[in-house]
C-alpha atoms as a PDB file:
ATOM      1  CA  MET A   1      -8.147  11.808  -6.394  1.00  0.00           C
ATOM      2  CA  ALA A   2      -4.375  11.567  -6.332  1.00  0.00           C
ATOM      3  CA  GLY A   3      -2.592  10.009  -9.288  1.00  0.00           C
ATOM      4  CA  ASN A   4      -0.419   6.933  -9.361  1.00  0.00           C
ATOM      5  CA  PHE A   5       2.865   7.194  -7.518  1.00  0.00           C
ATOM      6  CA  SER A   6       5.962   5.140  -6.859  1.00  0.00           C
ATOM      7  CA  LYS A   7       7.968   5.046  -3.672  1.00  0.00           C
ATOM      8  CA  ARG A   8      11.203   3.360  -2.651  1.00  0.00           C
ATOM      9  CA  ILE A   9      10.459   1.439   0.536  1.00  0.00           C
ATOM     10  CA  SER A  10      12.701  -0.455   2.937  1.00  0.00           C
ATOM     11  CA  PHE A  11      11.766  -3.500   4.986  1.00  0.00           C
ATOM     12  CA  ASP A  12      13.801  -6.252   6.630  1.00  0.00           C
ATOM     13  CA  GLY A  13      17.041  -4.726   5.340  1.00  0.00           C
ATOM     14  CA  GLN A  14      15.845  -4.676   1.717  1.00  0.00           C
ATOM     15  CA  ALA A  15      14.988  -1.680  -0.454  1.00  0.00           C
ATOM     16  CA  THR A  16      12.508  -2.033  -3.300  1.00  0.00           C
ATOM     17  CA  LEU A  17      10.238   0.070  -5.486  1.00  0.00           C
ATOM     18  CA  ALA A  18       6.486   0.059  -4.855  1.00  0.00           C
ATOM     19  CA  VAL A  19       4.122   1.330  -7.556  1.00  0.00           C
ATOM     20  CA  ILE A  20       0.819   2.397  -5.998  1.00  0.00           C
ATOM     21  CA  LEU A  21      -2.408   3.135  -7.884  1.00  0.00           C
ATOM     22  CA  PRO A  22      -5.258   4.850  -5.983  1.00  0.00           C
ATOM     23  CA  GLN A  23      -8.782   3.649  -6.838  1.00  0.00           C
ATOM     24  CA  MET A  24     -12.020   5.228  -5.623  1.00  0.00           C
ATOM     25  CA  ARG A  25     -14.669   2.559  -5.050  1.00  0.00           C
ATOM     26  CA  LYS A  26     -18.218   2.839  -3.750  1.00  0.00           C
ATOM     27  CA  ASP A  27     -17.031   1.914  -0.243  1.00  0.00           C
ATOM     28  CA  GLY A  28     -13.972   4.178  -0.123  1.00  0.00           C
ATOM     29  CA  MET A  29     -10.433   4.649  -1.382  1.00  0.00           C
ATOM     30  CA  TYR A  30      -8.330   1.597  -2.175  1.00  0.00           C
ATOM     31  CA  TYR A  31      -4.708   1.391  -3.243  1.00  0.00           C
ATOM     32  CA  GLU A  32      -3.437  -1.249  -5.664  1.00  0.00           C
ATOM     33  CA  VAL A  33       0.169  -2.061  -4.754  1.00  0.00           C
ATOM     34  CA  ASN A  34       2.653  -3.598  -7.181  1.00  0.00           C
ATOM     35  CA  ILE A  35       6.074  -4.709  -5.951  1.00  0.00           C
ATOM     36  CA  LYS A  36       8.400  -6.938  -7.965  1.00  0.00           C
ATOM     37  CA  GLY A  37       8.597 -10.398  -6.412  1.00  0.00           C
ATOM     38  CA  PHE A  38       5.228 -10.156  -4.611  1.00  0.00           C
ATOM     39  CA  PRO A  39       1.668 -10.687  -5.821  1.00  0.00           C
ATOM     40  CA  ARG A  40      -0.376  -7.556  -6.497  1.00  0.00           C
ATOM     41  CA  PHE A  41      -2.385  -6.591  -3.425  1.00  0.00           C
ATOM     42  CA  PHE A  42      -4.804  -3.913  -2.277  1.00  0.00           C
ATOM     43  CA  MET A  43      -4.798  -1.711   0.813  1.00  0.00           C
ATOM     44  CA  THR A  44      -7.382   0.561   2.426  1.00  0.00           C
ATOM     45  CA  TRP A  45      -7.789   2.493   5.692  1.00  0.00           C
ATOM     46  CA  SER A  46      -8.544   0.083   8.531  1.00  0.00           C
ATOM     47  CA  ALA A  47      -9.950   0.101  12.042  1.00  0.00           C
ATOM     48  CA  ALA A  48      -6.335  -0.212  13.235  1.00  0.00           C
ATOM     49  CA  ASP A  49      -5.953   3.497  12.283  1.00  0.00           C
ATOM     50  CA  ARG A  50      -3.541   2.759   9.424  1.00  0.00           C
ATOM     51  CA  TYR A  51      -3.610   1.378   5.891  1.00  0.00           C
ATOM     52  CA  ASP A  52      -3.888  -2.403   5.853  1.00  0.00           C
ATOM     53  CA  THR A  53      -4.218  -5.138   3.252  1.00  0.00           C
ATOM     54  CA  VAL A  54      -7.608  -6.150   1.942  1.00  0.00           C
ATOM     55  CA  ALA A  55      -8.277  -9.857   2.498  1.00  0.00           C
ATOM     56  CA  GLN A  56      -7.210 -11.840  -0.567  1.00  0.00           C
ATOM     57  CA  GLU A  57      -7.149 -15.611  -0.798  1.00  0.00           C
ATOM     58  CA  GLY A  58      -3.625 -16.999  -0.514  1.00  0.00           C
ATOM     59  CA  LEU A  59      -1.989 -13.621   0.129  1.00  0.00           C
ATOM     60  CA  LYS A  60       1.083 -13.938   2.342  1.00  0.00           C
ATOM     61  CA  LEU A  61       3.201 -10.824   2.785  1.00  0.00           C
ATOM     62  CA  PRO A  62       5.911  -9.949   5.301  1.00  0.00           C
ATOM     63  CA  TYR A  63       4.345  -7.817   8.033  1.00  0.00           C
ATOM     64  CA  ASN A  64       7.181  -5.275   7.795  1.00  0.00           C
ATOM     65  CA  LEU A  65       6.422  -4.869   4.075  1.00  0.00           C
ATOM     66  CA  VAL A  66       2.770  -4.099   4.881  1.00  0.00           C
ATOM     67  CA  LEU A  67       3.859  -1.509   7.458  1.00  0.00           C
ATOM     68  CA  ALA A  68       6.330   0.101   5.031  1.00  0.00           C
ATOM     69  CA  VAL A  69       3.694   0.394   2.298  1.00  0.00           C
ATOM     70  CA  SER A  70       1.173   1.734   4.823  1.00  0.00           C
ATOM     71  CA  ASP A  71       3.654   4.451   5.821  1.00  0.00           C
ATOM     72  CA  ALA A  72       4.328   5.300   2.153  1.00  0.00           C
ATOM     73  CA  ILE A  73       0.616   5.676   1.376  1.00  0.00           C
ATOM     74  CA  GLU A  74      -0.012   7.755   4.485  1.00  0.00           C
ATOM     75  CA  GLU A  75       2.920  10.035   3.622  1.00  0.00           C
ATOM     76  CA  GLU A  76       1.600  10.535   0.071  1.00  0.00           C
ATOM     77  CA  VAL A  77      -1.952  11.239   1.276  1.00  0.00           C
ATOM     78  CA  LYS A  78      -0.681  13.878   3.733  1.00  0.00           C
ATOM     79  CA  ARG A  79       1.525  15.425   1.041  1.00  0.00           C
ATOM     80  CA  ASN A  80      -1.463  15.821  -1.311  1.00  0.00           C
ATOM     81  CA  LYS A  81      -3.837  17.443   1.204  1.00  0.00           C
END
């Protein structure tokens, strides 16, 4: 399993640092995502053929942020193959 990683991501004209922690669970790989100014959230591979957020009560994130984090995770996974 890959280790924790951080990635500078850009969305809606903003650049910020995302700290991402991979977690292997019984139903697959999940990624805990920590970004200053946003609540911690989790992502996993989805039926949409990309990484997507795991349903969490009250979680509201900009869609472009979700896409940017998805791209960052996918890039890291490909780099570590």
